[in-house]
Amino acid sequence: MANIEFEIVKHISVLSESPKGWKKELNLISWNKLEPKYDIREWCPDLEKMGKGLTFTEEESKELGKVLNFNRQQEVALENVDFLLFCIIKI
């Protein structure tokens, strides 16, 4: 099996932590000395072992942000419609 090199260029956020101490993190990582990518995966406490993850280029991460923001805006709009309908029914 080929040896994969990685360097965590920047720790961005811990998204969650399991009872055993593994953390799902968002980091900027350079894999095999290539351009760093945004990376979401689980890491053991000492960062020696990792789970499967997803990597995103700068462009992909921007697109993901747009999609998540748009989705949240739609949810908020639906909540507002539900509230308005509730108010109308009460009147």
C-alpha atoms as a PDB file:
ATOM      1  CA  MET A   1       0.000   0.000   0.000  1.00  0.00           C
ATOM      2  CA  ALA A   2       1.362   3.421  -0.941  1.00  0.00           C
ATOM      3  CA  ASN A   3       2.398   5.734   1.849  1.00  0.00           C
ATOM      4  CA  ILE A   4       0.165   8.814   1.941  1.00  0.00           C
ATOM      5  CA  GLU A   5       1.693  11.989   3.300  1.00  0.00           C
ATOM      6  CA  PHE A   6      -0.429  14.712   4.814  1.00  0.00           C
ATOM      7  CA  GLU A   7       0.082  17.992   6.581  1.00  0.00           C
ATOM      8  CA  ILE A   8      -2.687  19.691   8.507  1.00  0.00           C
ATOM      9  CA  VAL A   9      -2.095  23.259   7.336  1.00  0.00           C
ATOM     10  CA  LYS A  10      -4.901  24.732   9.434  1.00  0.00           C
ATOM     11  CA  HIS A  11      -7.319  23.351  12.030  1.00  0.00           C
ATOM     12  CA  ILE A  12     -10.614  25.094  11.296  1.00  0.00           C
ATOM     13  CA  SER A  13     -13.229  23.465  13.517  1.00  0.00           C
ATOM     14  CA  VAL A  14     -14.240  20.397  15.507  1.00  0.00           C
ATOM     15  CA  LEU A  15     -17.719  19.498  14.260  1.00  0.00           C
ATOM     16  CA  SER A  16     -18.416  16.722  16.774  1.00  0.00           C
ATOM     17  CA  GLU A  17     -16.727  14.293  19.163  1.00  0.00           C
ATOM     18  CA  SER A  18     -17.549  10.652  19.853  1.00  0.00           C
ATOM     19  CA  PRO A  19     -17.578   9.129  23.352  1.00  0.00           C
ATOM     20  CA  LYS A  20     -14.263   7.415  22.486  1.00  0.00           C
ATOM     21  CA  GLY A  21     -12.614  10.752  21.726  1.00  0.00           C
ATOM     22  CA  TRP A  22     -12.600  10.620  17.933  1.00  0.00           C
ATOM     23  CA  LYS A  23     -13.316  14.059  16.510  1.00  0.00           C
ATOM     24  CA  LYS A  24     -14.987  14.956  13.245  1.00  0.00           C
ATOM     25  CA  GLU A  25     -12.987  17.954  12.064  1.00  0.00           C
ATOM     26  CA  LEU A  26     -12.897  20.492   9.284  1.00  0.00           C
ATOM     27  CA  ASN A  27      -9.269  21.168   8.373  1.00  0.00           C
ATOM     28  CA  LEU A  28      -7.189  22.521   5.526  1.00  0.00           C
ATOM     29  CA  ILE A  29      -4.888  19.630   4.553  1.00  0.00           C
ATOM     30  CA  SER A  30      -2.120  19.168   2.010  1.00  0.00           C
ATOM     31  CA  TRP A  31      -2.153  15.569   0.744  1.00  0.00           C
ATOM     32  CA  ASN A  32       1.119  14.302  -0.750  1.00  0.00           C
ATOM     33  CA  LYS A  33       2.540  17.841  -0.783  1.00  0.00           C
ATOM     34  CA  LEU A  34      -0.169  19.068  -3.180  1.00  0.00           C
ATOM     35  CA  GLU A  35      -2.323  22.184  -2.919  1.00  0.00           C
ATOM     36  CA  PRO A  36      -4.212  22.150   0.409  1.00  0.00           C
ATOM     37  CA  LYS A  37      -7.889  21.209   0.314  1.00  0.00           C
ATOM     38  CA  TYR A  38     -10.711  21.535   2.802  1.00  0.00           C
ATOM     39  CA  ASP A  39     -11.160  18.186   4.498  1.00  0.00           C
ATOM     40  CA  ILE A  40     -13.893  16.707   6.703  1.00  0.00           C
ATOM     41  CA  ARG A  41     -13.108  13.436   8.476  1.00  0.00           C
ATOM     42  CA  GLU A  42     -12.834  11.762  11.873  1.00  0.00           C
ATOM     43  CA  TRP A  43      -9.508  11.701  13.703  1.00  0.00           C
ATOM     44  CA  CYS A  44      -8.385   9.706  16.727  1.00  0.00           C
ATOM     45  CA  PRO A  45      -7.263  11.779  19.723  1.00  0.00           C
ATOM     46  CA  ASP A  46      -3.533  11.682  18.824  1.00  0.00           C
ATOM     47  CA  LEU A  47      -4.171  12.379  15.077  1.00  0.00           C
ATOM     48  CA  GLU A  48      -2.293   9.183  14.167  1.00  0.00           C
ATOM     49  CA  LYS A  49      -5.378   7.438  12.732  1.00  0.00           C
ATOM     50  CA  MET A  50      -8.146   8.823  10.578  1.00  0.00           C
ATOM     51  CA  GLY A  51     -11.456   7.722   9.145  1.00  0.00           C
ATOM     52  CA  LYS A  52     -12.671   8.094   5.602  1.00  0.00           C
ATOM     53  CA  GLY A  53     -13.424  11.652   4.680  1.00  0.00           C
ATOM     54  CA  LEU A  54     -14.330  14.174   2.039  1.00  0.00           C
ATOM     55  CA  THR A  55     -12.030  16.754   0.483  1.00  0.00           C
ATOM     56  CA  PHE A  56     -13.091  19.954  -1.264  1.00  0.00           C
ATOM     57  CA  THR A  57     -11.195  22.392  -3.444  1.00  0.00           C
ATOM     58  CA  GLU A  58     -11.636  26.109  -2.765  1.00  0.00           C
ATOM     59  CA  GLU A  59     -14.287  26.295  -5.507  1.00  0.00           C
ATOM     60  CA  GLU A  60     -16.135  23.215  -4.243  1.00  0.00           C
ATOM     61  CA  SER A  61     -16.155  24.563  -0.689  1.00  0.00           C
ATOM     62  CA  LYS A  62     -17.621  27.874  -1.906  1.00  0.00           C
ATOM     63  CA  GLU A  63     -20.329  25.996  -3.827  1.00  0.00           C
ATOM     64  CA  LEU A  64     -21.092  23.838  -0.782  1.00  0.00           C
ATOM     65  CA  GLY A  65     -21.439  26.987   1.320  1.00  0.00           C
ATOM     66  CA  LYS A  66     -23.870  28.468  -1.209  1.00  0.00           C
ATOM     67  CA  VAL A  67     -25.959  25.291  -1.257  1.00  0.00           C
ATOM     68  CA  LEU A  68     -26.100  25.063   2.536  1.00  0.00           C
ATOM     69  CA  ASN A  69     -27.006  28.754   2.881  1.00  0.00           C
ATOM     70  CA  PHE A  70     -29.713  28.483   0.210  1.00  0.00           C
ATOM     71  CA  ASN A  71     -31.133  25.364   1.854  1.00  0.00           C
ATOM     72  CA  ARG A  72     -31.250  27.096   5.250  1.00  0.00           C
ATOM     73  CA  GLN A  73     -32.957  30.145   3.718  1.00  0.00           C
ATOM     74  CA  GLN A  74     -35.633  27.874   2.234  1.00  0.00           C
ATOM     75  CA  GLU A  75     -36.190  26.230   5.625  1.00  0.00           C
ATOM     76  CA  VAL A  76     -36.557  29.624   7.309  1.00  0.00           C
ATOM     77  CA  ALA A  77     -38.989  30.769   4.616  1.00  0.00           C
ATOM     78  CA  LEU A  78     -41.111  27.639   5.125  1.00  0.00           C
ATOM     79  CA  GLU A  79     -41.082  28.182   8.901  1.00  0.00           C
ATOM     80  CA  ASN A  80     -42.320  31.739   8.318  1.00  0.00           C
ATOM     81  CA  VAL A  81     -45.105  30.510   6.014  1.00  0.00           C
ATOM     82  CA  ASP A  82     -46.136  27.920   8.613  1.00  0.00           C
ATOM     83  CA  PHE A  83     -46.218  30.628  11.293  1.00  0.00           C
ATOM     84  CA  LEU A  84     -48.277  32.960   9.103  1.00  0.00           C
ATOM     85  CA  LEU A  85     -50.764  30.180   8.308  1.00  0.00           C
ATOM     86  CA  PHE A  86     -51.022  29.383  12.018  1.00  0.00           C
ATOM     87  CA  CYS A  87     -51.733  33.065  12.759  1.00  0.00           C
ATOM     88  CA  ILE A  88     -54.372  33.280  10.020  1.00  0.00           C
ATOM     89  CA  ILE A  89     -56.108  30.139  11.251  1.00  0.00           C
ATOM     90  CA  LYS A  90     -56.184  31.527  14.807  1.00  0.00           C
ATOM     91  CA  ILE A  91     -57.834  34.748  13.622  1.00  0.00           C
END
